[in-house]
Amino acid sequence: MNNLFRGLLAGYGAHKLGGGCISTVLIFILLWWLLGTCGAMLPAPEATAPIGKASPALYASASTSPIASGIEAW
């Protein structure tokens, strides 16, 4: 998560949930940490397949599909 949005969300949550000075700071730190761990659960962008690239499995199964075998029978 972008640090700017993370800080804004943590600050807004701390403002709404905090009762005093110390509790607001503690809630901000807790929300900052929680929002930082949310983005760490997602896979890295380089770990995903590029958009527009077809999987080799799609081409491997085309010869065994019922449609392809029906076309070959003609």
N, C-alpha and C. Protein backbone atom coordinates (compact mmCIF):
# COMPACT_ATOMS: atom_id res chain seq x y z
N MET A 1 0.85 -1.16 0.00
CA MET A 1 0.00 0.00 0.00
C MET A 1 0.90 1.23 0.00
N ASN A 2 0.49 2.23 -0.73
CA ASN A 2 1.23 3.47 -0.81
C ASN A 2 1.30 4.12 0.58
N ASN A 3 2.47 4.62 0.95
CA ASN A 3 2.65 5.20 2.28
C ASN A 3 1.76 6.41 2.53
N LEU A 4 1.45 7.19 1.50
CA LEU A 4 0.59 8.36 1.68
C LEU A 4 -0.82 7.91 2.07
N PHE A 5 -1.39 6.97 1.32
CA PHE A 5 -2.73 6.49 1.64
C PHE A 5 -2.75 5.73 2.95
N ARG A 6 -1.68 5.01 3.20
CA ARG A 6 -1.55 4.28 4.47
C ARG A 6 -1.57 5.25 5.64
N GLY A 7 -0.84 6.33 5.53
CA GLY A 7 -0.81 7.35 6.59
C GLY A 7 -2.13 8.07 6.75
N LEU A 8 -2.79 8.36 5.62
CA LEU A 8 -4.08 9.03 5.69
C LEU A 8 -5.13 8.14 6.35
N LEU A 9 -5.16 6.87 5.97
CA LEU A 9 -6.13 5.96 6.57
C LEU A 9 -5.84 5.72 8.05
N ALA A 10 -4.56 5.57 8.39
CA ALA A 10 -4.20 5.36 9.79
C ALA A 10 -4.50 6.61 10.61
N GLY A 11 -4.25 7.77 10.06
CA GLY A 11 -4.54 9.01 10.77
C GLY A 11 -6.03 9.23 10.98
N TYR A 12 -6.81 8.93 9.95
CA TYR A 12 -8.26 9.09 10.07
C TYR A 12 -8.83 8.10 11.10
N GLY A 13 -8.35 6.85 11.05
CA GLY A 13 -8.81 5.86 12.02
C GLY A 13 -8.40 6.21 13.43
N ALA A 14 -7.18 6.70 13.59
CA ALA A 14 -6.72 7.09 14.92
C ALA A 14 -7.50 8.29 15.45
N HIS A 15 -7.84 9.21 14.57
CA HIS A 15 -8.63 10.38 14.97
C HIS A 15 -10.02 9.96 15.44
N LYS A 16 -10.63 9.01 14.72
CA LYS A 16 -11.98 8.57 15.06
C LYS A 16 -12.00 7.66 16.29
N LEU A 17 -10.99 6.80 16.43
CA LEU A 17 -11.00 5.81 17.52
C LEU A 17 -10.28 6.29 18.78
N GLY A 18 -9.35 7.21 18.64
CA GLY A 18 -8.56 7.65 19.79
C GLY A 18 -9.33 8.58 20.70
N GLY A 19 -9.11 8.41 22.01
CA GLY A 19 -9.79 9.26 22.97
C GLY A 19 -8.92 10.38 23.48
N GLY A 20 -7.64 10.10 23.63
CA GLY A 20 -6.71 11.11 24.14
C GLY A 20 -5.47 11.14 23.28
N CYS A 21 -4.47 11.80 23.76
CA CYS A 21 -3.24 11.97 22.98
C CYS A 21 -2.48 10.65 22.83
N ILE A 22 -2.25 9.98 23.94
CA ILE A 22 -1.45 8.75 23.90
C ILE A 22 -2.20 7.63 23.17
N SER A 23 -3.50 7.51 23.42
CA SER A 23 -4.26 6.44 22.75
C SER A 23 -4.35 6.69 21.25
N THR A 24 -4.41 7.95 20.84
CA THR A 24 -4.45 8.27 19.41
C THR A 24 -3.14 7.87 18.74
N VAL A 25 -2.03 8.16 19.39
CA VAL A 25 -0.72 7.79 18.83
C VAL A 25 -0.59 6.28 18.77
N LEU A 26 -1.00 5.57 19.80
CA LEU A 26 -0.92 4.11 19.81
C LEU A 26 -1.81 3.49 18.74
N ILE A 27 -3.00 4.02 18.58
CA ILE A 27 -3.91 3.51 17.55
C ILE A 27 -3.35 3.80 16.16
N PHE A 28 -2.74 4.97 15.98
CA PHE A 28 -2.12 5.29 14.69
C PHE A 28 -1.02 4.28 14.37
N ILE A 29 -0.16 3.99 15.34
CA ILE A 29 0.93 3.03 15.12
C ILE A 29 0.37 1.65 14.81
N LEU A 30 -0.66 1.24 15.53
CA LEU A 30 -1.28 -0.06 15.28
C LEU A 30 -1.90 -0.12 13.89
N LEU A 31 -2.64 0.91 13.50
CA LEU A 31 -3.25 0.93 12.17
C LEU A 31 -2.20 1.01 11.06
N TRP A 32 -1.13 1.76 11.29
CA TRP A 32 -0.04 1.85 10.31
C TRP A 32 0.56 0.48 10.08
N TRP A 33 0.78 -0.26 11.16
CA TRP A 33 1.36 -1.60 11.06
C TRP A 33 0.40 -2.56 10.36
N LEU A 34 -0.89 -2.52 10.73
CA LEU A 34 -1.88 -3.40 10.12
C LEU A 34 -2.04 -3.13 8.63
N LEU A 35 -2.07 -1.87 8.25
CA LEU A 35 -2.19 -1.54 6.83
C LEU A 35 -0.94 -1.92 6.06
N GLY A 36 0.20 -1.94 6.70
CA GLY A 36 1.44 -2.37 6.03
C GLY A 36 1.48 -3.86 5.81
N THR A 37 0.86 -4.63 6.72
CA THR A 37 0.87 -6.08 6.55
C THR A 37 -0.19 -6.54 5.55
N CYS A 38 -1.20 -5.71 5.28
CA CYS A 38 -2.22 -6.10 4.30
C CYS A 38 -1.62 -6.22 2.91
N GLY A 39 -0.76 -5.31 2.53
CA GLY A 39 -0.14 -5.36 1.21
C GLY A 39 0.89 -6.46 1.09
N ALA A 40 1.44 -6.92 2.19
CA ALA A 40 2.46 -7.97 2.14
C ALA A 40 1.85 -9.33 1.84
N MET A 41 0.53 -9.48 2.00
CA MET A 41 -0.11 -10.76 1.75
C MET A 41 -0.32 -11.01 0.26
N LEU A 42 -0.30 -9.98 -0.55
CA LEU A 42 -0.52 -10.13 -1.98
C LEU A 42 0.76 -10.61 -2.65
N PRO A 43 0.64 -11.38 -3.75
CA PRO A 43 1.85 -11.83 -4.45
C PRO A 43 2.54 -10.66 -5.13
N ALA A 44 3.82 -10.80 -5.32
CA ALA A 44 4.60 -9.75 -5.97
C ALA A 44 4.17 -9.65 -7.43
N PRO A 45 4.20 -8.45 -8.03
CA PRO A 45 3.77 -8.30 -9.42
C PRO A 45 4.58 -9.13 -10.39
N GLU A 46 5.86 -9.36 -10.13
CA GLU A 46 6.68 -10.14 -11.05
C GLU A 46 6.39 -11.64 -10.95
N ALA A 47 5.67 -12.06 -9.91
CA ALA A 47 5.36 -13.47 -9.75
C ALA A 47 4.14 -13.87 -10.57
N THR A 48 3.38 -12.92 -11.06
CA THR A 48 2.20 -13.24 -11.84
C THR A 48 2.56 -13.33 -13.32
N ALA A 49 1.73 -14.00 -14.09
CA ALA A 49 1.97 -14.15 -15.53
C ALA A 49 1.70 -12.82 -16.23
N PRO A 50 2.47 -12.51 -17.25
CA PRO A 50 2.23 -11.28 -17.99
C PRO A 50 0.89 -11.33 -18.71
N ILE A 51 0.27 -10.18 -18.83
CA ILE A 51 -1.03 -10.09 -19.51
C ILE A 51 -0.81 -10.25 -21.01
N GLY A 52 -1.66 -11.03 -21.64
CA GLY A 52 -1.57 -11.22 -23.08
C GLY A 52 -0.78 -12.44 -23.48
N LYS A 53 -0.11 -13.06 -22.57
CA LYS A 53 0.66 -14.26 -22.88
C LYS A 53 -0.21 -15.48 -22.58
N ALA A 54 -0.40 -16.33 -23.55
CA ALA A 54 -1.22 -17.53 -23.36
C ALA A 54 -0.39 -18.62 -22.69
N SER A 55 -1.05 -19.39 -21.90
CA SER A 55 -0.39 -20.48 -21.21
C SER A 55 -0.11 -21.62 -22.18
N PRO A 56 1.04 -22.30 -22.09
CA PRO A 56 1.30 -23.44 -22.96
C PRO A 56 0.31 -24.57 -22.75
N ALA A 57 -0.30 -24.63 -21.57
CA ALA A 57 -1.28 -25.68 -21.30
C ALA A 57 -2.52 -25.51 -22.17
N LEU A 58 -2.83 -24.29 -22.59
CA LEU A 58 -3.98 -24.08 -23.46
C LEU A 58 -3.75 -24.73 -24.82
N TYR A 59 -2.54 -24.66 -25.32
CA TYR A 59 -2.24 -25.24 -26.62
C TYR A 59 -2.06 -26.76 -26.52
N ALA A 60 -1.59 -27.23 -25.39
CA ALA A 60 -1.36 -28.67 -25.23
C ALA A 60 -2.68 -29.42 -25.16
N SER A 61 -3.72 -28.81 -24.59
CA SER A 61 -4.99 -29.51 -24.44
C SER A 61 -5.88 -29.38 -25.68
N ALA A 62 -5.48 -28.58 -26.65
CA ALA A 62 -6.33 -28.38 -27.83
C ALA A 62 -6.44 -29.65 -28.66
N SER A 63 -5.39 -30.46 -28.70
CA SER A 63 -5.45 -31.66 -29.52
C SER A 63 -6.29 -32.75 -28.88
N THR A 64 -6.49 -32.69 -27.58
CA THR A 64 -7.28 -33.71 -26.90
C THR A 64 -8.70 -33.25 -26.60
N SER A 65 -9.06 -32.04 -27.02
CA SER A 65 -10.41 -31.56 -26.73
C SER A 65 -11.42 -32.24 -27.65
N PRO A 66 -12.66 -32.39 -27.20
CA PRO A 66 -13.67 -33.04 -28.04
C PRO A 66 -13.97 -32.26 -29.31
N ILE A 67 -13.85 -30.95 -29.25
CA ILE A 67 -14.12 -30.15 -30.44
C ILE A 67 -13.05 -30.40 -31.49
N ALA A 68 -11.79 -30.41 -31.07
CA ALA A 68 -10.70 -30.64 -32.01
C ALA A 68 -10.78 -32.04 -32.60
N SER A 69 -11.14 -33.04 -31.81
CA SER A 69 -11.24 -34.39 -32.35
C SER A 69 -12.43 -34.50 -33.30
N GLY A 70 -13.50 -33.75 -33.06
CA GLY A 70 -14.64 -33.76 -33.97
C GLY A 70 -14.32 -33.11 -35.30
N ILE A 71 -13.50 -32.08 -35.27
CA ILE A 71 -13.10 -31.42 -36.50
C ILE A 71 -12.19 -32.32 -37.32
N GLU A 72 -11.30 -33.03 -36.64
CA GLU A 72 -10.39 -33.93 -37.34
C GLU A 72 -11.14 -35.10 -37.98
N ALA A 73 -12.28 -35.46 -37.39
CA ALA A 73 -13.05 -36.58 -37.92
C ALA A 73 -13.72 -36.22 -39.24
N TRP A 74 -13.93 -34.94 -39.50
CA TRP A 74 -14.58 -34.54 -40.75
C TRP A 74 -13.64 -34.85 -41.85
